[in-house]
Amino acid sequence: MTATQEPEPSPGVDTGESPVEAPRDGPEQSTALGSATDEAVSAALALDASAKAEVLSHALPWLERFHHKTIVIKYGGNAMIDQGLSDAFAADIVFLRLAGIRPVVVHGGGPQIDKVLDRLGVAHQFVAGRRVTTPEVLDVVRMVLTGQVQRQLVNLINRHGPRAVGVSGEDGSLFTASRLRPIVDGEHVDIGLVGHITSVRPGIIETMIDDGFIPVVSSLSVGEDGTVYNVNADDAAAKLAAAIGATKLLMLSDIPGICRNWPADDDVIRELSVDEAAEMLPNLAGGMVPKVQACLDAVSHGVERAHIVDGRQPHSVLVEIFTDHGVGTMITADGGGDE
């Protein structure tokens, strides 16, 4: 190289007139940064653990109160068709069982039944809030409730351990029913193979509970003459809750609870007495009538508290049972609940 030659620039080096070398972290800086990051992660984990511990500590009084108590949960609405809500519901039910509470699930299946009927081209309608049930519709109802909805829920729960067992109201004559003829415009109308439960034989459910299982019950029922009836799952849940001496009945719904002027406003009434709820019954929206009536029936027959719970919220069952504020409306004999 001569005195007048410029050195060849190295690849990737800035050849501008004022090159500036980027500062580099030395070993001390890298160590300090790593240490700060570790401390931040540890602090975040500690805060998260502390928050979880606080939640559990607040749940302790409720765990003590409901230990070894039976709670019936009517599973339906959005919680059945949203996979995330279904997964959360199944986890909630297992949590209750592991916490020493005895859950029993009664399920409906309206949206799934509608979907199959539409796919098969079978006409269907509702009268007085009940599904008109022809023999053809009943075949679909039985297939969907016990062969699809129940199987899916049992499998979701059993992902956490072999605890759930599916039962139909037909099994062991768990539910005995007679034909229901609702009154429309002052007259009784025939809506087909729709029944209302006249008696419950709770032995099969009580045996399952005592053996550590979680019964998952469909509301199909059988008459004295062997006729199978389609029965509203709200009614079935209330009748079963009373028959097995449940402390609570929870009805999952797609609204926040009972509102005085729904849908004009969504101010939820947190507590109602049986008398107050009965007074509101004629003015409620159609879909709420069977739920509120079922709650009234349950409380009138010995269930301490019945709740209409917003099933659109993940883990709504746990929030209702283990917190002070809950997520819906509670109905008691005198409206003076202390929850």
C-alpha atoms as a PDB file:
ATOM      1  CA  MET A   1       0.000   0.000   0.000  1.00  0.00           C
ATOM      2  CA  THR A   2       1.408   3.433  -0.965  1.00  0.00           C
ATOM      3  CA  ALA A   3       1.182   6.548   1.165  1.00  0.00           C
ATOM      4  CA  THR A   4      -1.524   7.991  -1.073  1.00  0.00           C
ATOM      5  CA  GLN A   5      -3.850   4.961  -1.043  1.00  0.00           C
ATOM      6  CA  GLU A   6      -6.937   4.892   1.158  1.00  0.00           C
ATOM      7  CA  PRO A   7      -7.548   1.689   3.067  1.00  0.00           C
ATOM      8  CA  GLU A   8     -10.370  -0.479   1.695  1.00  0.00           C
ATOM      9  CA  PRO A   9     -13.524  -0.166   3.802  1.00  0.00           C
ATOM     10  CA  SER A  10     -14.521  -3.343   5.598  1.00  0.00           C
ATOM     11  CA  PRO A  11     -17.882  -4.815   4.613  1.00  0.00           C
ATOM     12  CA  GLY A  12     -20.744  -3.416   6.616  1.00  0.00           C
ATOM     13  CA  VAL A  13     -18.818  -0.433   8.011  1.00  0.00           C
ATOM     14  CA  ASP A  14     -20.238   3.093   7.597  1.00  0.00           C
ATOM     15  CA  THR A  15     -17.816   5.113   5.439  1.00  0.00           C
ATOM     16  CA  GLY A  16     -19.382   8.525   6.055  1.00  0.00           C
ATOM     17  CA  GLU A  17     -17.220  11.401   7.199  1.00  0.00           C
ATOM     18  CA  SER A  18     -18.355  11.208  10.796  1.00  0.00           C
ATOM     19  CA  PRO A  19     -18.762   7.555  11.653  1.00  0.00           C
ATOM     20  CA  VAL A  20     -20.293   6.937  15.034  1.00  0.00           C
ATOM     21  CA  GLU A  21     -19.853   3.593  16.679  1.00  0.00           C
ATOM     22  CA  ALA A  22     -22.989   2.413  18.435  1.00  0.00           C
ATOM     23  CA  PRO A  23     -22.493   1.908  22.127  1.00  0.00           C
ATOM     24  CA  ARG A  24     -22.411  -1.664  23.216  1.00  0.00           C
ATOM     25  CA  ASP A  25     -23.477  -3.132  26.503  1.00  0.00           C
ATOM     26  CA  GLY A  26     -20.579  -4.355  28.476  1.00  0.00           C
ATOM     27  CA  PRO A  27     -20.779  -7.431  30.672  1.00  0.00           C
ATOM     28  CA  GLU A  28     -21.786  -5.283  33.638  1.00  0.00           C
ATOM     29  CA  GLN A  29     -24.687  -3.677  31.726  1.00  0.00           C
ATOM     30  CA  SER A  30     -25.988  -7.028  30.420  1.00  0.00           C
ATOM     31  CA  THR A  31     -25.871  -8.507  33.878  1.00  0.00           C
ATOM     32  CA  ALA A  32     -27.717  -5.530  35.352  1.00  0.00           C
ATOM     33  CA  LEU A  33     -30.403  -5.687  32.664  1.00  0.00           C
ATOM     34  CA  GLY A  34     -30.908  -9.407  33.151  1.00  0.00           C
ATOM     35  CA  SER A  35     -31.115  -8.949  36.888  1.00  0.00           C
ATOM     36  CA  ALA A  36     -33.714  -6.170  36.555  1.00  0.00           C
ATOM     37  CA  THR A  37     -35.791  -8.310  34.177  1.00  0.00           C
ATOM     38  CA  ASP A  38     -35.678 -11.292  36.530  1.00  0.00           C
ATOM     39  CA  GLU A  39     -36.729  -9.079  39.434  1.00  0.00           C
ATOM     40  CA  ALA A  40     -39.640  -7.647  37.421  1.00  0.00           C
ATOM     41  CA  VAL A  41     -40.833 -11.135  36.442  1.00  0.00           C
ATOM     42  CA  SER A  42     -40.508 -12.352  40.015  1.00  0.00           C
ATOM     43  CA  ALA A  43     -42.450  -9.333  41.295  1.00  0.00           C
ATOM     44  CA  ALA A  44     -45.205  -9.885  38.728  1.00  0.00           C
ATOM     45  CA  LEU A  45     -45.453 -13.559  39.648  1.00  0.00           C
ATOM     46  CA  ALA A  46     -45.566 -12.657  43.332  1.00  0.00           C
ATOM     47  CA  LEU A  47     -48.362 -10.166  42.719  1.00  0.00           C
ATOM     48  CA  ASP A  48     -50.283 -12.734  40.683  1.00  0.00           C
ATOM     49  CA  ALA A  49     -49.825 -15.371  43.371  1.00  0.00           C
ATOM     50  CA  SER A  50     -50.845 -12.885  46.055  1.00  0.00           C
ATOM     51  CA  ALA A  51     -53.989 -11.941  44.138  1.00  0.00           C
ATOM     52  CA  LYS A  52     -54.921 -15.612  43.733  1.00  0.00           C
ATOM     53  CA  ALA A  53     -54.302 -16.256  47.416  1.00  0.00           C
ATOM     54  CA  GLU A  54     -56.526 -13.312  48.324  1.00  0.00           C
ATOM     55  CA  VAL A  55     -59.338 -14.649  46.131  1.00  0.00           C
ATOM     56  CA  LEU A  56     -59.071 -18.046  47.816  1.00  0.00           C
ATOM     57  CA  SER A  57     -59.061 -16.486  51.272  1.00  0.00           C
ATOM     58  CA  HIS A  58     -62.255 -14.561  50.485  1.00  0.00           C
ATOM     59  CA  ALA A  59     -63.849 -17.813  49.289  1.00  0.00           C
ATOM     60  CA  LEU A  60     -63.147 -19.586  52.591  1.00  0.00           C
ATOM     61  CA  PRO A  61     -66.427 -18.607  54.348  1.00  0.00           C
ATOM     62  CA  TRP A  62     -68.428 -19.858  51.356  1.00  0.00           C
ATOM     63  CA  LEU A  63     -66.401 -23.066  51.165  1.00  0.00           C
ATOM     64  CA  GLU A  64     -67.192 -23.683  54.830  1.00  0.00           C
ATOM     65  CA  ARG A  65     -70.842 -22.803  54.368  1.00  0.00           C
ATOM     66  CA  PHE A  66     -71.483 -25.052  51.379  1.00  0.00           C
ATOM     67  CA  HIS A  67     -69.183 -27.944  52.255  1.00  0.00           C
ATOM     68  CA  HIS A  68     -71.019 -31.228  51.614  1.00  0.00           C
ATOM     69  CA  LYS A  69     -74.100 -29.293  50.450  1.00  0.00           C
ATOM     70  CA  THR A  70     -75.917 -30.162  47.233  1.00  0.00           C
ATOM     71  CA  ILE A  71     -76.286 -27.513  44.534  1.00  0.00           C
ATOM     72  CA  VAL A  72     -78.330 -28.055  41.368  1.00  0.00           C
ATOM     73  CA  ILE A  73     -77.241 -26.105  38.296  1.00  0.00           C
ATOM     74  CA  LYS A  74     -79.456 -25.808  35.229  1.00  0.00           C
ATOM     75  CA  TYR A  75     -77.101 -25.587  32.236  1.00  0.00           C
ATOM     76  CA  GLY A  76     -78.412 -23.817  29.159  1.00  0.00           C
ATOM     77  CA  GLY A  77     -78.309 -20.744  26.954  1.00  0.00           C
ATOM     78  CA  ASN A  78     -75.075 -19.277  25.611  1.00  0.00           C
ATOM     79  CA  ALA A  79     -73.006 -21.375  27.998  1.00  0.00           C
ATOM     80  CA  MET A  80     -74.005 -24.422  25.932  1.00  0.00           C
ATOM     81  CA  ILE A  81     -73.042 -23.131  22.497  1.00  0.00           C
ATOM     82  CA  ASP A  82     -69.935 -21.040  23.203  1.00  0.00           C
ATOM     83  CA  GLN A  83     -66.954 -23.378  23.542  1.00  0.00           C
ATOM     84  CA  GLY A  84     -65.052 -21.091  25.891  1.00  0.00           C
ATOM     85  CA  LEU A  85     -68.059 -20.787  28.207  1.00  0.00           C
ATOM     86  CA  SER A  86     -68.655 -24.549  28.046  1.00  0.00           C
ATOM     87  CA  ASP A  87     -65.053 -25.259  29.037  1.00  0.00           C
ATOM     88  CA  ALA A  88     -65.261 -22.765  31.908  1.00  0.00           C
ATOM     89  CA  PHE A  89     -68.543 -24.266  33.100  1.00  0.00           C
ATOM     90  CA  ALA A  90     -67.108 -27.791  33.139  1.00  0.00           C
ATOM     91  CA  ALA A  91     -64.081 -26.582  35.099  1.00  0.00           C
ATOM     92  CA  ASP A  92     -66.370 -24.814  37.589  1.00  0.00           C
ATOM     93  CA  ILE A  93     -68.366 -27.991  38.200  1.00  0.00           C
ATOM     94  CA  VAL A  94     -65.211 -30.019  38.859  1.00  0.00           C
ATOM     95  CA  PHE A  95     -63.911 -27.297  41.179  1.00  0.00           C
ATOM     96  CA  LEU A  96     -67.124 -27.502  43.218  1.00  0.00           C
ATOM     97  CA  ARG A  97     -66.806 -31.276  43.569  1.00  0.00           C
ATOM     98  CA  LEU A  98     -63.145 -31.124  44.580  1.00  0.00           C
ATOM     99  CA  ALA A  99     -63.989 -28.387  47.090  1.00  0.00           C
ATOM    100  CA  GLY A 100     -66.384 -30.713  48.886  1.00  0.00           C
ATOM    101  CA  ILE A 101     -69.603 -29.401  47.327  1.00  0.00           C
ATOM    102  CA  ARG A 102     -72.033 -31.814  45.648  1.00  0.00           C
ATOM    103  CA  PRO A 103     -73.046 -30.432  42.218  1.00  0.00           C
ATOM    104  CA  VAL A 104     -75.830 -31.858  40.065  1.00  0.00           C
ATOM    105  CA  VAL A 105     -76.269 -30.583  36.511  1.00  0.00           C
ATOM    106  CA  VAL A 106     -79.593 -30.556  34.654  1.00  0.00           C
ATOM    107  CA  HIS A 107     -79.299 -29.533  31.009  1.00  0.00           C
ATOM    108  CA  GLY A 108     -81.506 -28.372  28.198  1.00  0.00           C
ATOM    109  CA  GLY A 109     -80.607 -28.295  24.527  1.00  0.00           C
ATOM    110  CA  GLY A 110     -82.977 -25.972  22.687  1.00  0.00           C
ATOM    111  CA  PRO A 111     -80.504 -24.456  20.186  1.00  0.00           C
ATOM    112  CA  GLN A 112     -79.076 -27.855  19.286  1.00  0.00           C
ATOM    113  CA  ILE A 113     -82.565 -29.344  18.854  1.00  0.00           C
ATOM    114  CA  ASP A 114     -83.578 -26.452  16.580  1.00  0.00           C
ATOM    115  CA  LYS A 115     -80.468 -26.969  14.465  1.00  0.00           C
ATOM    116  CA  VAL A 116     -81.124 -30.679  13.901  1.00  0.00           C
ATOM    117  CA  LEU A 117     -84.831 -30.148  13.208  1.00  0.00           C
ATOM    118  CA  ASP A 118     -83.959 -27.521  10.598  1.00  0.00           C
ATOM    119  CA  ARG A 119     -81.362 -29.797   9.025  1.00  0.00           C
ATOM    120  CA  LEU A 120     -83.922 -32.618   8.787  1.00  0.00           C
ATOM    121  CA  GLY A 121     -86.607 -30.295   7.464  1.00  0.00           C
ATOM    122  CA  VAL A 122     -88.959 -30.988  10.377  1.00  0.00           C
ATOM    123  CA  ALA A 123     -91.376 -28.129  11.106  1.00  0.00           C
ATOM    124  CA  HIS A 124     -91.351 -26.918  14.712  1.00  0.00           C
ATOM    125  CA  GLN A 125     -93.000 -24.184  16.735  1.00  0.00           C
ATOM    126  CA  PHE A 126     -93.569 -22.944  20.262  1.00  0.00           C
ATOM    127  CA  VAL A 127     -96.886 -22.362  22.020  1.00  0.00           C
ATOM    128  CA  ALA A 128     -97.055 -20.716  25.449  1.00  0.00           C
ATOM    129  CA  GLY A 129     -93.270 -20.915  25.667  1.00  0.00           C
ATOM    130  CA  ARG A 130     -93.236 -24.700  25.115  1.00  0.00           C
ATOM    131  CA  ARG A 131     -92.013 -26.669  22.123  1.00  0.00           C
ATOM    132  CA  VAL A 132     -94.884 -28.372  20.318  1.00  0.00           C
ATOM    133  CA  THR A 133     -93.684 -31.968  20.389  1.00  0.00           C
ATOM    134  CA  THR A 134     -94.944 -34.419  17.793  1.00  0.00           C
ATOM    135  CA  PRO A 135     -93.629 -38.012  17.816  1.00  0.00           C
ATOM    136  CA  GLU A 136     -91.178 -37.006  15.078  1.00  0.00           C
ATOM    137  CA  VAL A 137     -89.957 -34.008  17.082  1.00  0.00           C
ATOM    138  CA  LEU A 138     -89.671 -36.160  20.216  1.00  0.00           C
ATOM    139  CA  ASP A 139     -87.333 -38.559  18.405  1.00  0.00           C
ATOM    140  CA  VAL A 140     -85.028 -35.645  17.649  1.00  0.00           C
ATOM    141  CA  VAL A 141     -85.304 -34.276  21.196  1.00  0.00           C
ATOM    142  CA  ARG A 142     -84.268 -37.636  22.686  1.00  0.00           C
ATOM    143  CA  MET A 143     -81.429 -38.039  20.215  1.00  0.00           C
ATOM    144  CA  VAL A 144     -80.007 -34.577  20.800  1.00  0.00           C
ATOM    145  CA  LEU A 145     -80.421 -34.382  24.582  1.00  0.00           C
ATOM    146  CA  THR A 146     -79.033 -37.782  25.524  1.00  0.00           C
ATOM    147  CA  GLY A 147     -76.884 -38.529  22.470  1.00  0.00           C
ATOM    148  CA  GLN A 148     -75.284 -35.159  21.799  1.00  0.00           C
ATOM    149  CA  VAL A 149     -75.607 -32.467  24.460  1.00  0.00           C
ATOM    150  CA  GLN A 150     -75.228 -34.802  27.428  1.00  0.00           C
ATOM    151  CA  ARG A 151     -72.320 -36.699  25.873  1.00  0.00           C
ATOM    152  CA  GLN A 152     -70.456 -33.468  25.142  1.00  0.00           C
ATOM    153  CA  LEU A 153     -70.912 -32.110  28.659  1.00  0.00           C
ATOM    154  CA  VAL A 154     -69.968 -35.393  30.334  1.00  0.00           C
ATOM    155  CA  ASN A 155     -66.818 -35.548  28.218  1.00  0.00           C
ATOM    156  CA  LEU A 156     -65.897 -31.938  29.053  1.00  0.00           C
ATOM    157  CA  ILE A 157     -66.198 -32.608  32.770  1.00  0.00           C
ATOM    158  CA  ASN A 158     -64.342 -35.915  32.519  1.00  0.00           C
ATOM    159  CA  ARG A 159     -61.325 -34.248  30.976  1.00  0.00           C
ATOM    160  CA  HIS A 160     -60.567 -33.316  34.576  1.00  0.00           C
ATOM    161  CA  GLY A 161     -61.102 -36.872  35.846  1.00  0.00           C
ATOM    162  CA  PRO A 162     -63.729 -39.635  35.588  1.00  0.00           C
ATOM    163  CA  ARG A 163     -66.444 -37.975  37.658  1.00  0.00           C
ATOM    164  CA  ALA A 164     -69.458 -37.175  35.452  1.00  0.00           C
ATOM    165  CA  VAL A 165     -72.208 -39.692  34.633  1.00  0.00           C
ATOM    166  CA  GLY A 166     -75.060 -39.002  32.209  1.00  0.00           C
ATOM    167  CA  VAL A 167     -78.616 -39.816  33.278  1.00  0.00           C
ATOM    168  CA  SER A 168     -81.946 -39.354  31.524  1.00  0.00           C
ATOM    169  CA  GLY A 169     -85.124 -38.637  33.417  1.00  0.00           C
ATOM    170  CA  GLU A 170     -86.379 -41.873  31.836  1.00  0.00           C
ATOM    171  CA  ASP A 171     -83.720 -43.919  33.659  1.00  0.00           C
ATOM    172  CA  GLY A 172     -85.117 -45.682  36.708  1.00  0.00           C
ATOM    173  CA  SER A 173     -88.231 -43.529  36.284  1.00  0.00           C
ATOM    174  CA  LEU A 174     -86.278 -40.633  37.773  1.00  0.00           C
ATOM    175  CA  PHE A 175     -88.956 -38.243  36.499  1.00  0.00           C
ATOM    176  CA  THR A 176     -92.579 -39.307  36.174  1.00  0.00           C
ATOM    177  CA  ALA A 177     -94.705 -36.906  34.143  1.00  0.00           C
ATOM    178  CA  SER A 178     -98.189 -36.379  32.791  1.00  0.00           C
ATOM    179  CA  ARG A 179     -99.237 -34.521  29.678  1.00  0.00           C
ATOM    180  CA  LEU A 180     -99.178 -30.735  29.901  1.00  0.00           C
ATOM    181  CA  ARG A 181    -101.987 -28.749  28.314  1.00  0.00           C
ATOM    182  CA  PRO A 182    -101.228 -25.066  28.782  1.00  0.00           C
ATOM    183  CA  ILE A 183    -103.900 -22.406  28.779  1.00  0.00           C
ATOM    184  CA  VAL A 184    -103.880 -19.980  25.859  1.00  0.00           C
ATOM    185  CA  ASP A 185    -106.551 -17.284  25.615  1.00  0.00           C
ATOM    186  CA  GLY A 186    -108.486 -18.971  28.364  1.00  0.00           C
ATOM    187  CA  GLU A 187    -108.532 -22.426  26.803  1.00  0.00           C
ATOM    188  CA  HIS A 188    -106.416 -25.564  27.202  1.00  0.00           C
ATOM    189  CA  VAL A 189    -104.410 -26.348  24.074  1.00  0.00           C
ATOM    190  CA  ASP A 190    -102.773 -29.568  22.916  1.00  0.00           C
ATOM    191  CA  ILE A 191     -99.041 -29.200  22.319  1.00  0.00           C
ATOM    192  CA  GLY A 192     -98.265 -32.873  21.843  1.00  0.00           C
ATOM    193  CA  LEU A 193     -95.873 -34.968  23.903  1.00  0.00           C
ATOM    194  CA  VAL A 194     -94.983 -32.233  26.379  1.00  0.00           C
ATOM    195  CA  GLY A 195     -95.159 -33.142  30.037  1.00  0.00           C
ATOM    196  CA  HIS A 196     -94.883 -31.692  33.496  1.00  0.00           C
ATOM    197  CA  ILE A 197     -93.215 -33.644  36.273  1.00  0.00           C
ATOM    198  CA  THR A 198     -95.549 -35.127  38.865  1.00  0.00           C
ATOM    199  CA  SER A 199     -93.034 -37.094  40.931  1.00  0.00           C
ATOM    200  CA  VAL A 200     -89.285 -37.633  41.335  1.00  0.00           C
ATOM    201  CA  ARG A 201     -87.441 -40.767  42.441  1.00  0.00           C
ATOM    202  CA  PRO A 202     -84.142 -39.258  43.605  1.00  0.00           C
ATOM    203  CA  GLY A 203     -82.490 -42.508  44.743  1.00  0.00           C
ATOM    204  CA  ILE A 204     -80.355 -42.968  41.625  1.00  0.00           C
ATOM    205  CA  ILE A 205     -79.049 -39.388  41.874  1.00  0.00           C
ATOM    206  CA  GLU A 206     -78.383 -39.600  45.607  1.00  0.00           C
ATOM    207  CA  THR A 207     -76.431 -42.832  45.114  1.00  0.00           C
ATOM    208  CA  MET A 208     -74.257 -41.226  42.442  1.00  0.00           C
ATOM    209  CA  ILE A 209     -73.571 -38.206  44.630  1.00  0.00           C
ATOM    210  CA  ASP A 210     -72.680 -40.364  47.635  1.00  0.00           C
ATOM    211  CA  ASP A 211     -70.280 -42.349  45.437  1.00  0.00           C
ATOM    212  CA  GLY A 212     -68.470 -39.162  44.396  1.00  0.00           C
ATOM    213  CA  PHE A 213     -69.927 -38.749  40.933  1.00  0.00           C
ATOM    214  CA  ILE A 214     -71.413 -35.680  39.244  1.00  0.00           C
ATOM    215  CA  PRO A 215     -74.836 -36.508  37.771  1.00  0.00           C
ATOM    216  CA  VAL A 216     -75.567 -34.836  34.418  1.00  0.00           C
ATOM    217  CA  VAL A 217     -79.317 -35.102  33.904  1.00  0.00           C
ATOM    218  CA  SER A 218     -81.488 -34.610  30.820  1.00  0.00           C
ATOM    219  CA  SER A 219     -85.093 -33.621  31.409  1.00  0.00           C
ATOM    220  CA  LEU A 220     -86.862 -36.309  29.394  1.00  0.00           C
ATOM    221  CA  SER A 221     -89.565 -37.952  31.497  1.00  0.00           C
ATOM    222  CA  VAL A 222     -91.857 -40.956  31.344  1.00  0.00           C
ATOM    223  CA  GLY A 223     -95.555 -41.283  32.100  1.00  0.00           C
ATOM    224  CA  GLU A 224     -97.255 -43.936  34.183  1.00  0.00           C
ATOM    225  CA  ASP A 225     -98.190 -45.730  30.937  1.00  0.00           C
ATOM    226  CA  GLY A 226     -94.641 -45.575  29.552  1.00  0.00           C
ATOM    227  CA  THR A 227     -95.207 -42.561  27.291  1.00  0.00           C
ATOM    228  CA  VAL A 228     -92.058 -40.440  26.984  1.00  0.00           C
ATOM    229  CA  TYR A 229     -92.510 -36.689  27.425  1.00  0.00           C
ATOM    230  CA  ASN A 230     -90.447 -33.658  26.549  1.00  0.00           C
ATOM    231  CA  VAL A 231     -90.168 -31.658  29.783  1.00  0.00           C
ATOM    232  CA  ASN A 232     -88.813 -28.145  30.235  1.00  0.00           C
ATOM    233  CA  ALA A 233     -85.336 -28.396  31.792  1.00  0.00           C
ATOM    234  CA  ASP A 234     -86.023 -25.466  34.141  1.00  0.00           C
ATOM    235  CA  ASP A 235     -88.958 -27.367  35.604  1.00  0.00           C
ATOM    236  CA  ALA A 236     -86.905 -30.553  35.876  1.00  0.00           C
ATOM    237  CA  ALA A 237     -84.069 -28.757  37.680  1.00  0.00           C
ATOM    238  CA  ALA A 238     -86.467 -27.223  40.218  1.00  0.00           C
ATOM    239  CA  LYS A 239     -88.244 -30.510  40.899  1.00  0.00           C
ATOM    240  CA  LEU A 240     -84.971 -32.387  41.307  1.00  0.00           C
ATOM    241  CA  ALA A 241     -83.489 -29.701  43.576  1.00  0.00           C
ATOM    242  CA  ALA A 242     -86.464 -29.973  45.915  1.00  0.00           C
ATOM    243  CA  ALA A 243     -86.473 -33.777  45.863  1.00  0.00           C
ATOM    244  CA  ILE A 244     -82.795 -34.165  46.828  1.00  0.00           C
ATOM    245  CA  GLY A 245     -82.833 -31.372  49.410  1.00  0.00           C
ATOM    246  CA  ALA A 246     -80.516 -29.021  47.517  1.00  0.00           C
ATOM    247  CA  THR A 247     -79.345 -25.878  49.272  1.00  0.00           C
ATOM    248  CA  LYS A 248     -79.212 -23.869  46.044  1.00  0.00           C
ATOM    249  CA  LEU A 249     -80.638 -23.892  42.543  1.00  0.00           C
ATOM    250  CA  LEU A 250     -78.718 -21.965  39.887  1.00  0.00           C
ATOM    251  CA  MET A 251     -80.366 -21.252  36.523  1.00  0.00           C
ATOM    252  CA  LEU A 252     -77.971 -20.109  33.813  1.00  0.00           C
ATOM    253  CA  SER A 253     -79.545 -17.589  31.434  1.00  0.00           C
ATOM    254  CA  ASP A 254     -78.616 -15.195  28.646  1.00  0.00           C
ATOM    255  CA  ILE A 255     -79.554 -12.035  30.547  1.00  0.00           C
ATOM    256  CA  PRO A 256     -78.001 -10.456  33.662  1.00  0.00           C
ATOM    257  CA  GLY A 257     -80.902 -11.481  35.926  1.00  0.00           C
ATOM    258  CA  ILE A 258     -84.435 -10.260  36.617  1.00  0.00           C
ATOM    259  CA  CYS A 259     -84.889  -6.626  35.568  1.00  0.00           C
ATOM    260  CA  ARG A 260     -87.943  -4.522  36.386  1.00  0.00           C
ATOM    261  CA  ASN A 261     -88.283  -3.000  32.916  1.00  0.00           C
ATOM    262  CA  TRP A 262     -86.397  -5.358  30.600  1.00  0.00           C
ATOM    263  CA  PRO A 263     -85.399  -4.642  27.844  1.00  0.00           C
ATOM    264  CA  ALA A 264     -85.921  -0.906  28.432  1.00  0.00           C
ATOM    265  CA  ASP A 265     -83.257  -1.046  31.132  1.00  0.00           C
ATOM    266  CA  ASP A 266     -80.901  -3.686  32.470  1.00  0.00           C
ATOM    267  CA  ASP A 267     -80.873  -2.746  36.149  1.00  0.00           C
ATOM    268  CA  VAL A 268     -80.733  -6.138  37.828  1.00  0.00           C
ATOM    269  CA  ILE A 269     -82.754  -6.785  40.972  1.00  0.00           C
ATOM    270  CA  ARG A 270     -80.315  -8.539  43.279  1.00  0.00           C
ATOM    271  CA  GLU A 271     -82.800 -10.077  45.718  1.00  0.00           C
ATOM    272  CA  LEU A 272     -86.498 -10.912  45.616  1.00  0.00           C
ATOM    273  CA  SER A 273     -88.878 -12.740  47.901  1.00  0.00           C
ATOM    274  CA  VAL A 274     -91.144 -15.444  46.514  1.00  0.00           C
ATOM    275  CA  ASP A 275     -94.098 -13.064  46.780  1.00  0.00           C
ATOM    276  CA  GLU A 276     -92.276 -10.241  44.992  1.00  0.00           C
ATOM    277  CA  ALA A 277     -91.147 -12.534  42.168  1.00  0.00           C
ATOM    278  CA  ALA A 278     -94.671 -13.957  41.802  1.00  0.00           C
ATOM    279  CA  GLU A 279     -96.088 -10.446  41.420  1.00  0.00           C
ATOM    280  CA  MET A 280     -93.635  -9.738  38.595  1.00  0.00           C
ATOM    281  CA  LEU A 281     -94.317 -13.012  36.773  1.00  0.00           C
ATOM    282  CA  PRO A 282     -97.175 -11.796  34.495  1.00  0.00           C
ATOM    283  CA  ASN A 283     -95.051  -8.904  33.201  1.00  0.00           C
ATOM    284  CA  LEU A 284     -91.850 -10.812  32.470  1.00  0.00           C
ATOM    285  CA  ALA A 285     -90.577 -11.581  28.980  1.00  0.00           C
ATOM    286  CA  GLY A 286     -91.684 -15.009  27.743  1.00  0.00           C
ATOM    287  CA  GLY A 287     -88.331 -16.737  28.062  1.00  0.00           C
ATOM    288  CA  MET A 288     -87.959 -15.694  31.680  1.00  0.00           C
ATOM    289  CA  VAL A 289     -91.339 -17.025  32.823  1.00  0.00           C
ATOM    290  CA  PRO A 290     -90.392 -20.735  33.096  1.00  0.00           C
ATOM    291  CA  LYS A 291     -87.123 -19.864  34.830  1.00  0.00           C
ATOM    292  CA  VAL A 292     -88.747 -17.638  37.442  1.00  0.00           C
ATOM    293  CA  GLN A 293     -91.621 -20.088  37.916  1.00  0.00           C
ATOM    294  CA  ALA A 294     -89.104 -22.885  38.459  1.00  0.00           C
ATOM    295  CA  CYS A 295     -87.281 -20.785  41.051  1.00  0.00           C
ATOM    296  CA  LEU A 296     -90.561 -20.103  42.852  1.00  0.00           C
ATOM    297  CA  ASP A 297     -91.439 -23.805  42.851  1.00  0.00           C
ATOM    298  CA  ALA A 298     -88.015 -24.783  44.192  1.00  0.00           C
ATOM    299  CA  VAL A 299     -87.996 -22.257  47.047  1.00  0.00           C
ATOM    300  CA  SER A 300     -91.606 -23.055  47.904  1.00  0.00           C
ATOM    301  CA  HIS A 301     -90.600 -26.703  48.313  1.00  0.00           C
ATOM    302  CA  GLY A 302     -87.628 -26.241  50.595  1.00  0.00           C
ATOM    303  CA  VAL A 303     -84.678 -25.064  48.486  1.00  0.00           C
ATOM    304  CA  GLU A 304     -83.108 -22.215  50.470  1.00  0.00           C
ATOM    305  CA  ARG A 305     -82.109 -20.037  47.523  1.00  0.00           C
ATOM    306  CA  ALA A 306     -82.699 -19.986  43.798  1.00  0.00           C
ATOM    307  CA  HIS A 307     -80.596 -17.835  41.492  1.00  0.00           C
ATOM    308  CA  ILE A 308     -80.980 -16.675  37.914  1.00  0.00           C
ATOM    309  CA  VAL A 309     -77.369 -16.301  36.816  1.00  0.00           C
ATOM    310  CA  ASP A 310     -75.812 -14.573  33.804  1.00  0.00           C
ATOM    311  CA  GLY A 311     -74.322 -17.561  32.010  1.00  0.00           C
ATOM    312  CA  ARG A 312     -72.613 -15.350  29.428  1.00  0.00           C
ATOM    313  CA  GLN A 313     -69.892 -14.562  31.952  1.00  0.00           C
ATOM    314  CA  PRO A 314     -67.055 -17.084  32.231  1.00  0.00           C
ATOM    315  CA  HIS A 315     -67.008 -18.889  35.585  1.00  0.00           C
ATOM    316  CA  SER A 316     -70.353 -17.339  36.536  1.00  0.00           C
ATOM    317  CA  VAL A 317     -71.143 -20.355  38.728  1.00  0.00           C
ATOM    318  CA  LEU A 318     -68.083 -19.768  40.907  1.00  0.00           C
ATOM    319  CA  VAL A 319     -68.696 -16.021  41.052  1.00  0.00           C
ATOM    320  CA  GLU A 320     -72.265 -16.594  42.223  1.00  0.00           C
ATOM    321  CA  ILE A 321     -71.352 -19.117  44.903  1.00  0.00           C
ATOM    322  CA  PHE A 322     -68.063 -17.747  46.236  1.00  0.00           C
ATOM    323  CA  THR A 323     -68.428 -13.950  46.143  1.00  0.00           C
ATOM    324  CA  ASP A 324     -70.554 -11.390  47.944  1.00  0.00           C
ATOM    325  CA  HIS A 325     -71.997  -9.675  44.864  1.00  0.00           C
ATOM    326  CA  GLY A 326     -72.877 -12.620  42.586  1.00  0.00           C
ATOM    327  CA  VAL A 327     -73.948 -12.296  38.964  1.00  0.00           C
ATOM    328  CA  GLY A 328     -77.724 -12.362  38.918  1.00  0.00           C
ATOM    329  CA  THR A 329     -80.945 -12.365  40.949  1.00  0.00           C
ATOM    330  CA  MET A 330     -81.489 -14.386  44.110  1.00  0.00           C
ATOM    331  CA  ILE A 331     -84.967 -15.527  45.151  1.00  0.00           C
ATOM    332  CA  THR A 332     -85.601 -16.594  48.729  1.00  0.00           C
ATOM    333  CA  ALA A 333     -88.677 -17.268  50.824  1.00  0.00           C
ATOM    334  CA  ASP A 334     -88.606 -13.798  52.385  1.00  0.00           C
ATOM    335  CA  GLY A 335     -86.148 -11.878  50.179  1.00  0.00           C
ATOM    336  CA  GLY A 336     -83.854 -11.404  53.155  1.00  0.00           C
ATOM    337  CA  GLY A 337     -80.901 -13.501  52.063  1.00  0.00           C
ATOM    338  CA  ASP A 338     -77.544 -12.735  53.622  1.00  0.00           C
ATOM    339  CA  GLU A 339     -75.441 -13.415  50.535  1.00  0.00           C
END
